[in-house]
C-alpha cells in the first residue's frame, strides 16, 4: 500500500509531511510533491493541480498517476486551505476511504493548531457546510489520534519489531539510529538501502505465504552479516530493507567493498529454501554515509534510496555509492 499526506503551497512545494508510507517516498530532502512522479507526467500533473485549486471543495483526481521507480499508480486528493493545499495520495480503491471527509477532518485539525479556538469555530462551521457528516468523522479521528499518541509514548524508548521478520520496523528505525549515533556522536555511519530483485515474481508465482517464508529467511541472513561496528537491520516495507552501521573504522571505498562481499557471502551466495523448493536471491544495494553525505537521518535514507535506484538501473545484483552530482542532476531534471 502506498499512502501519504503532505501540505504544499500552490506551486506544489512541500511545507509539511504528515506521513509517508513507505517512509522514503517523500522526505524532508525533497522540495516538490511532483518529484515522486516520472518526468513525462509532471507537466500534466501540474495542469491538473492548477485546475483543482480553482475549486473551494476537496477534489479527487480520477486519473491514476505512476510513481517514479515503483510499479504502482496512485490517485491524488486535494483540499485547499488559504494559500496551502493538503495532498493525500494512495493506491487503494477509492471506495476504501472516506476521502473527502478525511481530508476535511485533517484540514479542521490544522486550522485549530494554527488559529486557536477563537477562530476555529467559524472555520469549522464553514467546513461543516461542506459535509454534514464531518463531526462524527472528526470525533473518530481525535480518538484515533489520542490512541496513537499513547502508543507512541509507550514505545518511545522500546524497540518495535517487524511482526514478520523480527527486524527493527519502519516505525522505530529513526530512534534506534539516533540512539546508536549518540553513543559515538563523532563517528561515521553508513545506511545501506536494500531491495530484493524480482521479489514480486515470487509472490505472483508461489503466493504470499511462500513470499513470507522467503522474507523471514532473508532477514535471518541479513542479521548474520559480520560487522565490527554497531549494526541495525531494518525492514522498511515489503521487499525493501535497510542496514545501518555506525562508527566505521575504515575509509569509504574499503568499507563499502567489504560490506558488499560480506553481503554476497551471507545473503545471496545460495538460494533460499522454501516449502516450494529453493528460490534464487539477488539484491540491489544503495549506500550513503552519515557525517559524510548527510547529517540528517531522513536525508541519509533518501540518498541511499537514490543510490539503490541507480544500482537497479545498472542491471541489479550490484551496489552503488551515493553520488551528489548525479543526485543534483536528477533533481534538476524534475
C-alpha atoms as a PDB file:
ATOM      1  CA  UNK A   1       0.000   0.000   0.000  1.00  0.00           C
ATOM      2  CA  UNK A   2       1.295   3.447  -0.950  1.00  0.00           C
ATOM      3  CA  UNK A   3      -0.136   6.306   1.106  1.00  0.00           C
ATOM      4  CA  UNK A   4       0.966   9.813   2.018  1.00  0.00           C
ATOM      5  CA  UNK A   5      -0.447  13.098   3.309  1.00  0.00           C
ATOM      6  CA  UNK A   6       1.516  16.325   2.833  1.00  0.00           C
ATOM      7  CA  UNK A   7       0.935  20.077   2.884  1.00  0.00           C
ATOM      8  CA  UNK A   8       2.237  22.053  -0.097  1.00  0.00           C
ATOM      9  CA  UNK A   9       1.919  25.586  -1.380  1.00  0.00           C
ATOM     10  CA  UNK A  10       0.069  26.470  -4.571  1.00  0.00           C
ATOM     11  CA  UNK A  11       3.123  25.565  -6.622  1.00  0.00           C
ATOM     12  CA  UNK A  12       3.459  22.107  -5.119  1.00  0.00           C
ATOM     13  CA  UNK A  13       6.430  22.971  -2.882  1.00  0.00           C
ATOM     14  CA  UNK A  14       6.497  20.750   0.221  1.00  0.00           C
ATOM     15  CA  UNK A  15       5.773  22.536   3.523  1.00  0.00           C
ATOM     16  CA  UNK A  16       4.880  19.734   5.901  1.00  0.00           C
ATOM     17  CA  UNK A  17       4.870  15.909   5.807  1.00  0.00           C
ATOM     18  CA  UNK A  18       2.090  14.382   7.912  1.00  0.00           C
ATOM     19  CA  UNK A  19       3.117  10.883   6.881  1.00  0.00           C
ATOM     20  CA  UNK A  20       4.650   8.959   4.010  1.00  0.00           C
ATOM     21  CA  UNK A  21       4.260   5.206   3.697  1.00  0.00           C
ATOM     22  CA  UNK A  22       6.798   3.961   2.721  1.00  0.00           C
ATOM     23  CA  UNK A  23       8.811   6.478   4.713  1.00  0.00           C
ATOM     24  CA  UNK A  24      11.385   7.067   1.998  1.00  0.00           C
ATOM     25  CA  UNK A  25       8.823   8.026  -0.684  1.00  0.00           C
ATOM     26  CA  UNK A  26       8.585  11.650   0.468  1.00  0.00           C
ATOM     27  CA  UNK A  27      11.339  13.082   2.685  1.00  0.00           C
ATOM     28  CA  UNK A  28      12.476  16.417   4.047  1.00  0.00           C
ATOM     29  CA  UNK A  29      15.203  16.420   1.378  1.00  0.00           C
ATOM     30  CA  UNK A  30      12.644  16.814  -1.380  1.00  0.00           C
ATOM     31  CA  UNK A  31      11.302  20.207  -2.440  1.00  0.00           C
ATOM     32  CA  UNK A  32       8.309  19.424  -4.619  1.00  0.00           C
ATOM     33  CA  UNK A  33       5.470  16.899  -4.470  1.00  0.00           C
ATOM     34  CA  UNK A  34       5.972  16.416  -8.196  1.00  0.00           C
ATOM     35  CA  UNK A  35       9.422  14.874  -7.608  1.00  0.00           C
ATOM     36  CA  UNK A  36       7.895  11.464  -6.873  1.00  0.00           C
ATOM     37  CA  UNK A  37       6.372  11.217 -10.360  1.00  0.00           C
ATOM     38  CA  UNK A  38       8.116  10.357 -13.672  1.00  0.00           C
ATOM     39  CA  UNK A  39       9.336  13.353 -15.650  1.00  0.00           C
ATOM     40  CA  UNK A  40       6.970  12.751 -18.579  1.00  0.00           C
ATOM     41  CA  UNK A  41       3.937  13.016 -16.277  1.00  0.00           C
ATOM     42  CA  UNK A  42       4.905  16.128 -14.332  1.00  0.00           C
ATOM     43  CA  UNK A  43       3.564  18.803 -16.721  1.00  0.00           C
ATOM     44  CA  UNK A  44       0.193  17.089 -16.982  1.00  0.00           C
ATOM     45  CA  UNK A  45       0.064  16.728 -13.200  1.00  0.00           C
ATOM     46  CA  UNK A  46       0.838  20.396 -12.723  1.00  0.00           C
ATOM     47  CA  UNK A  47      -2.033  21.362 -15.026  1.00  0.00           C
ATOM     48  CA  UNK A  48      -4.427  19.138 -13.058  1.00  0.00           C
ATOM     49  CA  UNK A  49      -3.075  20.631  -9.851  1.00  0.00           C
ATOM     50  CA  UNK A  50      -3.751  24.188 -11.030  1.00  0.00           C
ATOM     51  CA  UNK A  51      -7.266  23.262 -12.168  1.00  0.00           C
ATOM     52  CA  UNK A  52      -8.077  21.727  -8.788  1.00  0.00           C
ATOM     53  CA  UNK A  53      -7.053  24.919  -6.987  1.00  0.00           C
ATOM     54  CA  UNK A  54      -9.911  26.805  -8.658  1.00  0.00           C
ATOM     55  CA  UNK A  55     -12.433  24.812  -6.597  1.00  0.00           C
ATOM     56  CA  UNK A  56     -13.218  25.534  -2.946  1.00  0.00           C
ATOM     57  CA  UNK A  57     -14.188  21.926  -2.291  1.00  0.00           C
ATOM     58  CA  UNK A  58     -11.846  18.989  -1.806  1.00  0.00           C
ATOM     59  CA  UNK A  59     -11.202  17.324  -5.142  1.00  0.00           C
ATOM     60  CA  UNK A  60     -10.304  13.823  -6.257  1.00  0.00           C
ATOM     61  CA  UNK A  61      -8.283  13.036  -9.348  1.00  0.00           C
ATOM     62  CA  UNK A  62      -9.990  10.377 -11.426  1.00  0.00           C
ATOM     63  CA  UNK A  63      -6.685   9.540 -13.077  1.00  0.00           C
ATOM     64  CA  UNK A  64      -4.054   7.249 -11.654  1.00  0.00           C
ATOM     65  CA  UNK A  65      -0.503   8.534 -11.748  1.00  0.00           C
ATOM     66  CA  UNK A  66       2.609   6.295 -11.752  1.00  0.00           C
ATOM     67  CA  UNK A  67       5.219   6.632  -9.002  1.00  0.00           C
ATOM     68  CA  UNK A  68       8.824   7.019 -10.107  1.00  0.00           C
ATOM     69  CA  UNK A  69      10.802   3.821  -9.567  1.00  0.00           C
ATOM     70  CA  UNK A  70       7.784   1.775  -8.399  1.00  0.00           C
ATOM     71  CA  UNK A  71       5.419  -0.465 -10.300  1.00  0.00           C
ATOM     72  CA  UNK A  72       2.325   1.214  -8.816  1.00  0.00           C
ATOM     73  CA  UNK A  73      -0.013   4.091  -9.619  1.00  0.00           C
ATOM     74  CA  UNK A  74      -1.842   6.338  -7.169  1.00  0.00           C
ATOM     75  CA  UNK A  75      -4.813   8.664  -7.008  1.00  0.00           C
ATOM     76  CA  UNK A  76      -4.373  12.126  -5.510  1.00  0.00           C
ATOM     77  CA  UNK A  77      -6.907  14.091  -3.439  1.00  0.00           C
ATOM     78  CA  UNK A  78      -6.565  17.808  -2.750  1.00  0.00           C
ATOM     79  CA  UNK A  79      -8.034  20.132  -0.104  1.00  0.00           C
ATOM     80  CA  UNK A  80      -7.308  23.878  -0.387  1.00  0.00           C
ATOM     81  CA  UNK A  81      -6.614  25.859   2.804  1.00  0.00           C
ATOM     82  CA  UNK A  82      -5.952  29.552   2.083  1.00  0.00           C
ATOM     83  CA  UNK A  83      -2.502  29.561   0.410  1.00  0.00           C
ATOM     84  CA  UNK A  84      -1.852  25.913   1.225  1.00  0.00           C
ATOM     85  CA  UNK A  85      -3.013  22.599  -0.189  1.00  0.00           C
ATOM     86  CA  UNK A  86      -3.317  19.226   1.517  1.00  0.00           C
ATOM     87  CA  UNK A  87      -2.427  16.378  -0.850  1.00  0.00           C
ATOM     88  CA  UNK A  88      -3.470  12.825   0.012  1.00  0.00           C
ATOM     89  CA  UNK A  89      -2.192  10.072  -2.270  1.00  0.00           C
ATOM     90  CA  UNK A  90      -2.939   6.346  -2.164  1.00  0.00           C
ATOM     91  CA  UNK A  91      -3.047   3.303  -4.418  1.00  0.00           C
ATOM     92  CA  UNK A  92      -6.107   1.650  -2.859  1.00  0.00           C
ATOM     93  CA  UNK A  93      -9.618   1.573  -4.241  1.00  0.00           C
ATOM     94  CA  UNK A  94     -11.417   4.893  -3.763  1.00  0.00           C
ATOM     95  CA  UNK A  95     -14.281   3.082  -2.059  1.00  0.00           C
ATOM     96  CA  UNK A  96     -11.945   2.007   0.729  1.00  0.00           C
ATOM     97  CA  UNK A  97     -11.634   5.559   2.055  1.00  0.00           C
ATOM     98  CA  UNK A  98     -13.936   8.369   3.142  1.00  0.00           C
ATOM     99  CA  UNK A  99     -11.615  10.631   1.204  1.00  0.00           C
ATOM    100  CA  UNK A 100     -13.431  13.978   1.340  1.00  0.00           C
ATOM    101  CA  UNK A 101     -14.450  13.603   4.983  1.00  0.00           C
ATOM    102  CA  UNK A 102     -10.962  12.536   5.985  1.00  0.00           C
ATOM    103  CA  UNK A 103      -9.323  15.421   4.186  1.00  0.00           C
ATOM    104  CA  UNK A 104     -11.750  17.909   5.728  1.00  0.00           C
ATOM    105  CA  UNK A 105     -11.133  16.488   9.188  1.00  0.00           C
ATOM    106  CA  UNK A 106      -7.364  16.918   8.828  1.00  0.00           C
ATOM    107  CA  UNK A 107      -7.970  20.421   7.484  1.00  0.00           C
ATOM    108  CA  UNK A 108     -10.039  21.383  10.542  1.00  0.00           C
ATOM    109  CA  UNK A 109      -7.370  19.991  12.847  1.00  0.00           C
ATOM    110  CA  UNK A 110      -4.708  22.044  11.059  1.00  0.00           C
ATOM    111  CA  UNK A 111      -6.806  25.199  11.415  1.00  0.00           C
ATOM    112  CA  UNK A 112      -7.231  24.536  15.140  1.00  0.00           C
ATOM    113  CA  UNK A 113      -3.470  24.269  15.644  1.00  0.00           C
ATOM    114  CA  UNK A 114      -2.743  27.446  13.652  1.00  0.00           C
ATOM    115  CA  UNK A 115      -5.515  29.840  14.697  1.00  0.00           C
ATOM    116  CA  UNK A 116      -6.622  28.727  18.157  1.00  0.00           C
ATOM    117  CA  UNK A 117     -10.110  28.089  19.482  1.00  0.00           C
ATOM    118  CA  UNK A 118     -11.481  31.609  18.906  1.00  0.00           C
ATOM    119  CA  UNK A 119     -11.280  31.451  15.127  1.00  0.00           C
ATOM    120  CA  UNK A 120     -11.649  27.693  14.823  1.00  0.00           C
ATOM    121  CA  UNK A 121     -15.404  27.876  15.352  1.00  0.00           C
ATOM    122  CA  UNK A 122     -16.033  29.980  12.274  1.00  0.00           C
ATOM    123  CA  UNK A 123     -13.702  27.895  10.163  1.00  0.00           C
ATOM    124  CA  UNK A 124     -15.213  24.704  11.457  1.00  0.00           C
ATOM    125  CA  UNK A 125     -18.728  25.931  10.606  1.00  0.00           C
ATOM    126  CA  UNK A 126     -17.549  26.555   7.056  1.00  0.00           C
ATOM    127  CA  UNK A 127     -16.130  23.062   6.912  1.00  0.00           C
ATOM    128  CA  UNK A 128     -19.384  21.597   8.238  1.00  0.00           C
ATOM    129  CA  UNK A 129     -21.180  23.180   5.302  1.00  0.00           C
ATOM    130  CA  UNK A 130     -19.018  21.052   3.009  1.00  0.00           C
ATOM    131  CA  UNK A 131     -20.020  17.809   4.670  1.00  0.00           C
ATOM    132  CA  UNK A 132     -22.688  17.285   7.381  1.00  0.00           C
ATOM    133  CA  UNK A 133     -21.081  14.060   8.440  1.00  0.00           C
ATOM    134  CA  UNK A 134     -17.817  15.742   9.462  1.00  0.00           C
ATOM    135  CA  UNK A 135     -18.459  15.777  13.212  1.00  0.00           C
ATOM    136  CA  UNK A 136     -18.693  12.031  13.503  1.00  0.00           C
ATOM    137  CA  UNK A 137     -15.574  11.547  11.387  1.00  0.00           C
ATOM    138  CA  UNK A 138     -13.707  14.182  13.388  1.00  0.00           C
ATOM    139  CA  UNK A 139     -14.514  12.508  16.709  1.00  0.00           C
ATOM    140  CA  UNK A 140     -13.240   9.216  15.388  1.00  0.00           C
ATOM    141  CA  UNK A 141     -10.059  10.892  14.177  1.00  0.00           C
ATOM    142  CA  UNK A 142      -9.498  12.565  17.568  1.00  0.00           C
ATOM    143  CA  UNK A 143      -9.979   9.244  19.338  1.00  0.00           C
ATOM    144  CA  UNK A 144      -7.548   7.536  16.962  1.00  0.00           C
ATOM    145  CA  UNK A 145      -5.000  10.337  17.429  1.00  0.00           C
ATOM    146  CA  UNK A 146      -5.259  10.022  21.206  1.00  0.00           C
ATOM    147  CA  UNK A 147      -4.689   6.282  20.981  1.00  0.00           C
ATOM    148  CA  UNK A 148      -1.752   6.815  18.629  1.00  0.00           C
ATOM    149  CA  UNK A 149      -0.211   9.382  20.989  1.00  0.00           C
ATOM    150  CA  UNK A 150      -0.425   6.954  23.923  1.00  0.00           C
ATOM    151  CA  UNK A 151       1.106   4.206  21.794  1.00  0.00           C
ATOM    152  CA  UNK A 152       3.975   6.433  20.656  1.00  0.00           C
ATOM    153  CA  UNK A 153       4.691   7.469  24.233  1.00  0.00           C
ATOM    154  CA  UNK A 154       4.697   3.839  25.314  1.00  0.00           C
ATOM    155  CA  UNK A 155       7.043   2.805  22.515  1.00  0.00           C
ATOM    156  CA  UNK A 156       9.333   5.830  22.693  1.00  0.00           C
ATOM    157  CA  UNK A 157      12.166   4.018  24.438  1.00  0.00           C
ATOM    158  CA  UNK A 158      11.417   0.477  23.274  1.00  0.00           C
ATOM    159  CA  UNK A 159      12.447  -1.390  20.176  1.00  0.00           C
ATOM    160  CA  UNK A 160       9.498  -2.178  17.929  1.00  0.00           C
ATOM    161  CA  UNK A 161       9.989  -5.347  15.930  1.00  0.00           C
ATOM    162  CA  UNK A 162       8.596  -6.034  12.494  1.00  0.00           C
ATOM    163  CA  UNK A 163       5.938  -8.686  13.085  1.00  0.00           C
ATOM    164  CA  UNK A 164       7.067 -10.956  10.240  1.00  0.00           C
ATOM    165  CA  UNK A 165      10.867 -10.767  10.245  1.00  0.00           C
ATOM    166  CA  UNK A 166      11.711  -9.631  13.780  1.00  0.00           C
ATOM    167  CA  UNK A 167      13.897  -6.825  12.409  1.00  0.00           C
ATOM    168  CA  UNK A 168      13.631  -3.200  13.518  1.00  0.00           C
ATOM    169  CA  UNK A 169      10.451  -1.866  11.934  1.00  0.00           C
ATOM    170  CA  UNK A 170       9.926   1.310   9.936  1.00  0.00           C
ATOM    171  CA  UNK A 171       8.119   2.773  12.964  1.00  0.00           C
ATOM    172  CA  UNK A 172      11.206   2.733  15.187  1.00  0.00           C
ATOM    173  CA  UNK A 173      14.249   2.806  12.935  1.00  0.00           C
ATOM    174  CA  UNK A 174      14.876   6.526  13.443  1.00  0.00           C
ATOM    175  CA  UNK A 175      15.026   6.398  17.249  1.00  0.00           C
ATOM    176  CA  UNK A 176      17.245   3.311  17.077  1.00  0.00           C
ATOM    177  CA  UNK A 177      19.639   5.062  14.702  1.00  0.00           C
ATOM    178  CA  UNK A 178      19.650   8.222  16.822  1.00  0.00           C
ATOM    179  CA  UNK A 179      20.388   6.175  19.948  1.00  0.00           C
ATOM    180  CA  UNK A 180      23.271   4.383  18.231  1.00  0.00           C
ATOM    181  CA  UNK A 181      24.711   7.627  16.857  1.00  0.00           C
ATOM    182  CA  UNK A 182      24.504   9.259  20.298  1.00  0.00           C
ATOM    183  CA  UNK A 183      26.879   6.615  21.692  1.00  0.00           C
ATOM    184  CA  UNK A 184      29.567   7.718  19.203  1.00  0.00           C
ATOM    185  CA  UNK A 185      28.444  11.189  18.051  1.00  0.00           C
ATOM    186  CA  UNK A 186      31.633  11.890  16.104  1.00  0.00           C
ATOM    187  CA  UNK A 187      31.642   8.553  14.319  1.00  0.00           C
ATOM    188  CA  UNK A 188      30.887   7.941  10.659  1.00  0.00           C
ATOM    189  CA  UNK A 189      27.923   5.745   9.778  1.00  0.00           C
ATOM    190  CA  UNK A 190      26.567   4.081   6.659  1.00  0.00           C
ATOM    191  CA  UNK A 191      22.968   3.414   5.633  1.00  0.00           C
ATOM    192  CA  UNK A 192      22.512   0.642   3.089  1.00  0.00           C
ATOM    193  CA  UNK A 193      19.155   0.616   1.283  1.00  0.00           C
ATOM    194  CA  UNK A 194      18.427  -2.950   0.119  1.00  0.00           C
ATOM    195  CA  UNK A 195      15.862  -4.016  -2.468  1.00  0.00           C
ATOM    196  CA  UNK A 196      15.275  -7.689  -3.259  1.00  0.00           C
ATOM    197  CA  UNK A 197      15.385  -8.079  -7.029  1.00  0.00           C
ATOM    198  CA  UNK A 198      12.262  -9.531  -8.682  1.00  0.00           C
ATOM    199  CA  UNK A 199      10.515 -10.376  -5.405  1.00  0.00           C
ATOM    200  CA  UNK A 200       7.146  -9.555  -6.966  1.00  0.00           C
ATOM    201  CA  UNK A 201       7.622 -12.514  -9.272  1.00  0.00           C
ATOM    202  CA  UNK A 202       7.953 -14.833  -6.272  1.00  0.00           C
ATOM    203  CA  UNK A 203       4.704 -13.584  -4.770  1.00  0.00           C
ATOM    204  CA  UNK A 204       2.916 -13.782  -8.112  1.00  0.00           C
ATOM    205  CA  UNK A 205       4.194 -17.292  -8.873  1.00  0.00           C
ATOM    206  CA  UNK A 206       4.105 -19.008  -5.476  1.00  0.00           C
ATOM    207  CA  UNK A 207       1.754 -16.871  -3.395  1.00  0.00           C
ATOM    208  CA  UNK A 208       2.222 -14.578  -0.400  1.00  0.00           C
ATOM    209  CA  UNK A 209       2.704 -17.397   2.103  1.00  0.00           C
ATOM    210  CA  UNK A 210       5.840 -18.551   0.279  1.00  0.00           C
ATOM    211  CA  UNK A 211       6.830 -14.906  -0.128  1.00  0.00           C
ATOM    212  CA  UNK A 212       6.672 -14.520   3.661  1.00  0.00           C
ATOM    213  CA  UNK A 213       8.854 -17.632   4.139  1.00  0.00           C
ATOM    214  CA  UNK A 214      11.335 -16.106   1.732  1.00  0.00           C
ATOM    215  CA  UNK A 215      11.430 -12.778   3.609  1.00  0.00           C
ATOM    216  CA  UNK A 216      11.856 -14.464   7.001  1.00  0.00           C
ATOM    217  CA  UNK A 217      14.880 -16.407   5.756  1.00  0.00           C
ATOM    218  CA  UNK A 218      16.259 -13.282   4.069  1.00  0.00           C
ATOM    219  CA  UNK A 219      16.006 -11.400   7.397  1.00  0.00           C
ATOM    220  CA  UNK A 220      17.936 -14.195   9.161  1.00  0.00           C
ATOM    221  CA  UNK A 221      20.713 -13.896   6.607  1.00  0.00           C
ATOM    222  CA  UNK A 222      20.739 -10.105   6.906  1.00  0.00           C
ATOM    223  CA  UNK A 223      21.293 -10.408  10.658  1.00  0.00           C
ATOM    224  CA  UNK A 224      24.172 -12.813  10.059  1.00  0.00           C
ATOM    225  CA  UNK A 225      26.354 -10.336   8.121  1.00  0.00           C
ATOM    226  CA  UNK A 226      29.603  -9.922  10.103  1.00  0.00           C
ATOM    227  CA  UNK A 227      30.354  -6.446  11.422  1.00  0.00           C
ATOM    228  CA  UNK A 228      32.805  -4.961  13.877  1.00  0.00           C
ATOM    229  CA  UNK A 229      30.615  -1.885  14.437  1.00  0.00           C
ATOM    230  CA  UNK A 230      27.129  -1.309  15.838  1.00  0.00           C
ATOM    231  CA  UNK A 231      24.632  -2.610  13.270  1.00  0.00           C
ATOM    232  CA  UNK A 232      20.847  -2.131  12.931  1.00  0.00           C
ATOM    233  CA  UNK A 233      18.976  -4.363  10.437  1.00  0.00           C
ATOM    234  CA  UNK A 234      15.662  -2.793   9.353  1.00  0.00           C
ATOM    235  CA  UNK A 235      12.618  -3.864   7.388  1.00  0.00           C
ATOM    236  CA  UNK A 236      11.454  -0.702   5.631  1.00  0.00           C
ATOM    237  CA  UNK A 237       8.459  -2.036   3.699  1.00  0.00           C
ATOM    238  CA  UNK A 238       7.588  -5.140   1.672  1.00  0.00           C
ATOM    239  CA  UNK A 239      10.777  -6.344  -0.007  1.00  0.00           C
ATOM    240  CA  UNK A 240      12.804  -3.257   0.998  1.00  0.00           C
ATOM    241  CA  UNK A 241      15.253  -3.496   3.855  1.00  0.00           C
ATOM    242  CA  UNK A 242      17.902  -1.342   5.436  1.00  0.00           C
ATOM    243  CA  UNK A 243      21.170  -1.788   7.272  1.00  0.00           C
ATOM    244  CA  UNK A 244      22.681   0.965   9.386  1.00  0.00           C
ATOM    245  CA  UNK A 245      26.260   0.547  10.612  1.00  0.00           C
ATOM    246  CA  UNK A 246      27.839   3.195  12.862  1.00  0.00           C
ATOM    247  CA  UNK A 247      31.311   4.194  13.959  1.00  0.00           C
ATOM    248  CA  UNK A 248      33.053   2.842  10.871  1.00  0.00           C
ATOM    249  CA  UNK A 249      36.818   2.496  11.200  1.00  0.00           C
ATOM    250  CA  UNK A 250      37.866   2.239   7.537  1.00  0.00           C
ATOM    251  CA  UNK A 251      37.616   4.558   4.555  1.00  0.00           C
ATOM    252  CA  UNK A 252      34.505   4.813   2.413  1.00  0.00           C
ATOM    253  CA  UNK A 253      35.608   2.611  -0.503  1.00  0.00           C
ATOM    254  CA  UNK A 254      37.198  -0.089   1.630  1.00  0.00           C
ATOM    255  CA  UNK A 255      34.145  -0.310   3.841  1.00  0.00           C
ATOM    256  CA  UNK A 256      31.621  -0.449   1.001  1.00  0.00           C
ATOM    257  CA  UNK A 257      33.621  -3.085  -0.920  1.00  0.00           C
ATOM    258  CA  UNK A 258      33.961  -5.214   2.226  1.00  0.00           C
ATOM    259  CA  UNK A 259      30.281  -4.882   3.079  1.00  0.00           C
ATOM    260  CA  UNK A 260      29.285  -5.933  -0.451  1.00  0.00           C
ATOM    261  CA  UNK A 261      31.490  -9.029  -0.256  1.00  0.00           C
ATOM    262  CA  UNK A 262      30.110  -9.911   3.194  1.00  0.00           C
ATOM    263  CA  UNK A 263      26.577  -9.341   1.930  1.00  0.00           C
ATOM    264  CA  UNK A 264      27.077 -11.675  -1.032  1.00  0.00           C
ATOM    265  CA  UNK A 265      28.654 -14.361   1.168  1.00  0.00           C
ATOM    266  CA  UNK A 266      25.997 -14.173   3.891  1.00  0.00           C
ATOM    267  CA  UNK A 267      22.839 -13.359   1.925  1.00  0.00           C
ATOM    268  CA  UNK A 268      22.921 -14.075  -1.819  1.00  0.00           C
ATOM    269  CA  UNK A 269      25.514 -16.841  -2.268  1.00  0.00           C
ATOM    270  CA  UNK A 270      22.937 -19.649  -2.051  1.00  0.00           C
ATOM    271  CA  UNK A 271      19.232 -19.935  -2.961  1.00  0.00           C
ATOM    272  CA  UNK A 272      16.615 -19.508  -0.245  1.00  0.00           C
ATOM    273  CA  UNK A 273      14.886 -22.711   0.837  1.00  0.00           C
ATOM    274  CA  UNK A 274      11.067 -22.638   0.960  1.00  0.00           C
ATOM    275  CA  UNK A 275       8.348 -25.284   1.035  1.00  0.00           C
ATOM    276  CA  UNK A 276       8.118 -24.787  -2.754  1.00  0.00           C
ATOM    277  CA  UNK A 277      11.807 -25.518  -3.206  1.00  0.00           C
ATOM    278  CA  UNK A 278      14.978 -23.440  -3.427  1.00  0.00           C
ATOM    279  CA  UNK A 279      14.402 -19.979  -4.881  1.00  0.00           C
ATOM    280  CA  UNK A 280      17.107 -17.640  -6.248  1.00  0.00           C
ATOM    281  CA  UNK A 281      18.072 -14.470  -4.401  1.00  0.00           C
ATOM    282  CA  UNK A 282      19.742 -11.290  -5.632  1.00  0.00           C
ATOM    283  CA  UNK A 283      19.625  -7.726  -4.332  1.00  0.00           C
ATOM    284  CA  UNK A 284      20.358  -4.165  -5.350  1.00  0.00           C
ATOM    285  CA  UNK A 285      22.069  -2.008  -2.709  1.00  0.00           C
ATOM    286  CA  UNK A 286      22.498   1.739  -2.335  1.00  0.00           C
ATOM    287  CA  UNK A 287      24.899   3.173   0.251  1.00  0.00           C
ATOM    288  CA  UNK A 288      25.144   6.659   1.756  1.00  0.00           C
ATOM    289  CA  UNK A 289      27.392   7.754   4.620  1.00  0.00           C
ATOM    290  CA  UNK A 290      26.293   9.588   7.750  1.00  0.00           C
ATOM    291  CA  UNK A 291      28.520  12.616   8.562  1.00  0.00           C
ATOM    292  CA  UNK A 292      29.941  12.494   5.021  1.00  0.00           C
ATOM    293  CA  UNK A 293      26.920  12.621   2.712  1.00  0.00           C
ATOM    294  CA  UNK A 294      24.298  13.819   5.226  1.00  0.00           C
ATOM    295  CA  UNK A 295      23.797  14.600   8.912  1.00  0.00           C
ATOM    296  CA  UNK A 296      20.021  14.141   8.857  1.00  0.00           C
ATOM    297  CA  UNK A 297      18.621  10.600   9.031  1.00  0.00           C
ATOM    298  CA  UNK A 298      15.754  11.156   6.583  1.00  0.00           C
ATOM    299  CA  UNK A 299      18.113  12.776   4.093  1.00  0.00           C
ATOM    300  CA  UNK A 300      20.609   9.937   4.550  1.00  0.00           C
ATOM    301  CA  UNK A 301      17.946   7.340   3.730  1.00  0.00           C
ATOM    302  CA  UNK A 302      16.767   9.381   0.746  1.00  0.00           C
ATOM    303  CA  UNK A 303      20.344   9.458  -0.581  1.00  0.00           C
ATOM    304  CA  UNK A 304      20.787   5.698  -0.058  1.00  0.00           C
ATOM    305  CA  UNK A 305      17.456   5.089  -1.788  1.00  0.00           C
ATOM    306  CA  UNK A 306      18.668   7.136  -4.771  1.00  0.00           C
ATOM    307  CA  UNK A 307      21.878   5.102  -4.920  1.00  0.00           C
ATOM    308  CA  UNK A 308      19.846   1.870  -4.794  1.00  0.00           C
ATOM    309  CA  UNK A 309      17.742   3.100  -7.701  1.00  0.00           C
ATOM    310  CA  UNK A 310      20.974   3.682  -9.667  1.00  0.00           C
ATOM    311  CA  UNK A 311      22.010   0.091  -8.860  1.00  0.00           C
ATOM    312  CA  UNK A 312      18.684  -1.092 -10.298  1.00  0.00           C
ATOM    313  CA  UNK A 313      19.312   0.924 -13.433  1.00  0.00           C
ATOM    314  CA  UNK A 314      22.786  -0.593 -13.715  1.00  0.00           C
ATOM    315  CA  UNK A 315      21.291  -4.081 -14.069  1.00  0.00           C
ATOM    316  CA  UNK A 316      20.515  -5.159 -10.473  1.00  0.00           C
ATOM    317  CA  UNK A 317      22.534  -7.575  -8.301  1.00  0.00           C
ATOM    318  CA  UNK A 318      25.084  -4.867  -7.525  1.00  0.00           C
ATOM    319  CA  UNK A 319      25.663  -1.876  -5.248  1.00  0.00           C
ATOM    320  CA  UNK A 320      26.155   1.836  -5.785  1.00  0.00           C
ATOM    321  CA  UNK A 321      27.516   4.618  -3.587  1.00  0.00           C
ATOM    322  CA  UNK A 322      25.617   7.886  -3.347  1.00  0.00           C
ATOM    323  CA  UNK A 323      26.858  10.429  -5.874  1.00  0.00           C
ATOM    324  CA  UNK A 324      25.867  14.026  -5.007  1.00  0.00           C
ATOM    325  CA  UNK A 325      26.462  15.235  -8.582  1.00  0.00           C
ATOM    326  CA  UNK A 326      24.139  12.608 -10.068  1.00  0.00           C
ATOM    327  CA  UNK A 327      21.574  13.365  -7.371  1.00  0.00           C
ATOM    328  CA  UNK A 328      21.650  17.097  -8.103  1.00  0.00           C
ATOM    329  CA  UNK A 329      21.346  16.491 -11.847  1.00  0.00           C
ATOM    330  CA  UNK A 330      18.357  14.192 -11.281  1.00  0.00           C
ATOM    331  CA  UNK A 331      16.638  16.761  -9.095  1.00  0.00           C
ATOM    332  CA  UNK A 332      17.240  19.495 -11.657  1.00  0.00           C
ATOM    333  CA  UNK A 333      15.531  17.357 -14.291  1.00  0.00           C
ATOM    334  CA  UNK A 334      12.393  17.031 -12.170  1.00  0.00           C
END
